[in-house]
């Protein structure tokens, strides 16, 4: 048995919230040591691509915010909230 899901005989599908958490963790690792401006540019670029392709919803952005929120201090939470609100207007 490699994990609980394989023991139960069914693979559990990831929820959108789990996807957002995974994406947040991946981004945190990828941007380690980078400046805020670099991170924001990358987020805006990826969000713009997703919006144009129709694959990035407001719900996805909310899940992304919820995944990152616990990892940030109050100033960064406020900044992230501003970024998410701007992305929702794209």
C-alpha atoms as a PDB file:
ATOM      1  CA  UNK A   1       0.000   0.000   0.000  1.00  0.00           C
ATOM      2  CA  UNK A   2       1.589   3.254  -1.091  1.00  0.00           C
ATOM      3  CA  UNK A   3      -1.079   5.516   0.450  1.00  0.00           C
ATOM      4  CA  UNK A   4      -4.559   5.493   1.995  1.00  0.00           C
ATOM      5  CA  UNK A   5      -6.279   6.092  -1.347  1.00  0.00           C
ATOM      6  CA  UNK A   6      -4.718   3.006  -2.904  1.00  0.00           C
ATOM      7  CA  UNK A   7      -5.752   0.966   0.136  1.00  0.00           C
ATOM      8  CA  UNK A   8      -9.382   2.025  -0.273  1.00  0.00           C
ATOM      9  CA  UNK A   9      -9.317   0.861  -3.877  1.00  0.00           C
ATOM     10  CA  UNK A  10     -10.425   4.212  -5.263  1.00  0.00           C
ATOM     11  CA  UNK A  11      -8.321   7.143  -6.326  1.00  0.00           C
ATOM     12  CA  UNK A  12      -9.674  10.347  -4.880  1.00  0.00           C
ATOM     13  CA  UNK A  13     -10.100  13.145  -7.401  1.00  0.00           C
ATOM     14  CA  UNK A  14      -8.566  16.448  -6.418  1.00  0.00           C
ATOM     15  CA  UNK A  15     -10.956  19.281  -5.729  1.00  0.00           C
ATOM     16  CA  UNK A  16     -10.452  22.745  -7.194  1.00  0.00           C
ATOM     17  CA  UNK A  17      -9.319  23.868  -3.756  1.00  0.00           C
ATOM     18  CA  UNK A  18      -6.664  21.115  -3.669  1.00  0.00           C
ATOM     19  CA  UNK A  19      -5.500  22.195  -7.141  1.00  0.00           C
ATOM     20  CA  UNK A  20      -5.138  25.776  -5.918  1.00  0.00           C
ATOM     21  CA  UNK A  21      -3.136  24.645  -2.894  1.00  0.00           C
ATOM     22  CA  UNK A  22      -0.843  22.584  -5.113  1.00  0.00           C
ATOM     23  CA  UNK A  23      -0.410  25.523  -7.487  1.00  0.00           C
ATOM     24  CA  UNK A  24       0.344  27.888  -4.597  1.00  0.00           C
ATOM     25  CA  UNK A  25       2.985  25.526  -3.211  1.00  0.00           C
ATOM     26  CA  UNK A  26       4.548  25.088  -6.647  1.00  0.00           C
ATOM     27  CA  UNK A  27       4.628  28.850  -7.200  1.00  0.00           C
ATOM     28  CA  UNK A  28       6.075  29.503  -3.750  1.00  0.00           C
ATOM     29  CA  UNK A  29       8.914  27.115  -4.504  1.00  0.00           C
ATOM     30  CA  UNK A  30       9.465  28.487  -8.017  1.00  0.00           C
ATOM     31  CA  UNK A  31       9.611  32.087  -6.802  1.00  0.00           C
ATOM     32  CA  UNK A  32      11.829  31.473  -3.793  1.00  0.00           C
ATOM     33  CA  UNK A  33      14.373  34.250  -3.668  1.00  0.00           C
ATOM     34  CA  UNK A  34      12.647  36.347  -6.353  1.00  0.00           C
ATOM     35  CA  UNK A  35      11.465  39.898  -5.815  1.00  0.00           C
ATOM     36  CA  UNK A  36       7.836  40.940  -5.448  1.00  0.00           C
ATOM     37  CA  UNK A  37       7.820  42.629  -8.866  1.00  0.00           C
ATOM     38  CA  UNK A  38       8.979  39.415 -10.586  1.00  0.00           C
ATOM     39  CA  UNK A  39       6.310  37.408  -8.809  1.00  0.00           C
ATOM     40  CA  UNK A  40       3.528  39.857  -9.655  1.00  0.00           C
ATOM     41  CA  UNK A  41       4.551  40.005 -13.318  1.00  0.00           C
ATOM     42  CA  UNK A  42       4.447  36.212 -13.539  1.00  0.00           C
ATOM     43  CA  UNK A  43       1.062  36.014 -11.791  1.00  0.00           C
ATOM     44  CA  UNK A  44      -0.467  38.676 -14.057  1.00  0.00           C
ATOM     45  CA  UNK A  45       0.976  37.042 -17.174  1.00  0.00           C
ATOM     46  CA  UNK A  46      -0.369  33.613 -16.231  1.00  0.00           C
ATOM     47  CA  UNK A  47      -3.744  35.050 -15.193  1.00  0.00           C
ATOM     48  CA  UNK A  48      -4.069  36.964 -18.449  1.00  0.00           C
ATOM     49  CA  UNK A  49      -3.295  33.810 -20.409  1.00  0.00           C
ATOM     50  CA  UNK A  50      -5.864  31.841 -18.407  1.00  0.00           C
ATOM     51  CA  UNK A  51      -8.548  34.515 -18.752  1.00  0.00           C
ATOM     52  CA  UNK A  52      -8.055  34.740 -22.528  1.00  0.00           C
ATOM     53  CA  UNK A  53      -8.225  30.960 -22.823  1.00  0.00           C
ATOM     54  CA  UNK A  54     -11.321  30.870 -20.615  1.00  0.00           C
ATOM     55  CA  UNK A  55      -9.665  28.524 -18.126  1.00  0.00           C
ATOM     56  CA  UNK A  56      -9.280  30.902 -15.179  1.00  0.00           C
ATOM     57  CA  UNK A  57     -12.473  31.701 -13.287  1.00  0.00           C
ATOM     58  CA  UNK A  58     -13.182  33.986 -10.348  1.00  0.00           C
ATOM     59  CA  UNK A  59     -13.661  30.821  -8.309  1.00  0.00           C
ATOM     60  CA  UNK A  60     -10.144  29.694  -9.264  1.00  0.00           C
ATOM     61  CA  UNK A  61      -8.793  33.049  -8.116  1.00  0.00           C
ATOM     62  CA  UNK A  62     -10.689  32.750  -4.829  1.00  0.00           C
ATOM     63  CA  UNK A  63      -9.227  29.276  -4.288  1.00  0.00           C
ATOM     64  CA  UNK A  64      -5.750  30.586  -5.067  1.00  0.00           C
ATOM     65  CA  UNK A  65      -6.229  33.377  -2.521  1.00  0.00           C
ATOM     66  CA  UNK A  66      -7.502  30.932   0.106  1.00  0.00           C
ATOM     67  CA  UNK A  67      -4.491  28.667  -0.468  1.00  0.00           C
ATOM     68  CA  UNK A  68      -1.933  31.454  -0.085  1.00  0.00           C
ATOM     69  CA  UNK A  69      -3.666  33.408   2.682  1.00  0.00           C
ATOM     70  CA  UNK A  70      -2.415  31.310   5.627  1.00  0.00           C
ATOM     71  CA  UNK A  71       1.197  31.624   4.467  1.00  0.00           C
ATOM     72  CA  UNK A  72       1.225  35.441   4.440  1.00  0.00           C
ATOM     73  CA  UNK A  73       1.443  38.230   6.983  1.00  0.00           C
ATOM     74  CA  UNK A  74      -1.287  40.886   7.103  1.00  0.00           C
ATOM     75  CA  UNK A  75       0.455  43.318   4.722  1.00  0.00           C
ATOM     76  CA  UNK A  76       1.009  40.608   2.112  1.00  0.00           C
ATOM     77  CA  UNK A  77      -2.560  39.354   2.527  1.00  0.00           C
ATOM     78  CA  UNK A  78      -3.839  42.829   1.732  1.00  0.00           C
ATOM     79  CA  UNK A  79      -1.559  43.024  -1.326  1.00  0.00           C
ATOM     80  CA  UNK A  80      -2.731  39.611  -2.505  1.00  0.00           C
ATOM     81  CA  UNK A  81      -6.356  40.672  -2.059  1.00  0.00           C
ATOM     82  CA  UNK A  82      -5.684  43.724  -4.251  1.00  0.00           C
ATOM     83  CA  UNK A  83      -4.017  41.547  -6.893  1.00  0.00           C
ATOM     84  CA  UNK A  84      -6.920  39.079  -6.919  1.00  0.00           C
ATOM     85  CA  UNK A  85      -9.462  41.903  -7.252  1.00  0.00           C
ATOM     86  CA  UNK A  86      -7.484  43.354 -10.180  1.00  0.00           C
ATOM     87  CA  UNK A  87      -7.265  39.932 -11.844  1.00  0.00           C
ATOM     88  CA  UNK A  88     -11.018  39.460 -11.528  1.00  0.00           C
ATOM     89  CA  UNK A  89     -11.492  42.611 -13.612  1.00  0.00           C
ATOM     90  CA  UNK A  90      -9.404  41.257 -16.506  1.00  0.00           C
END
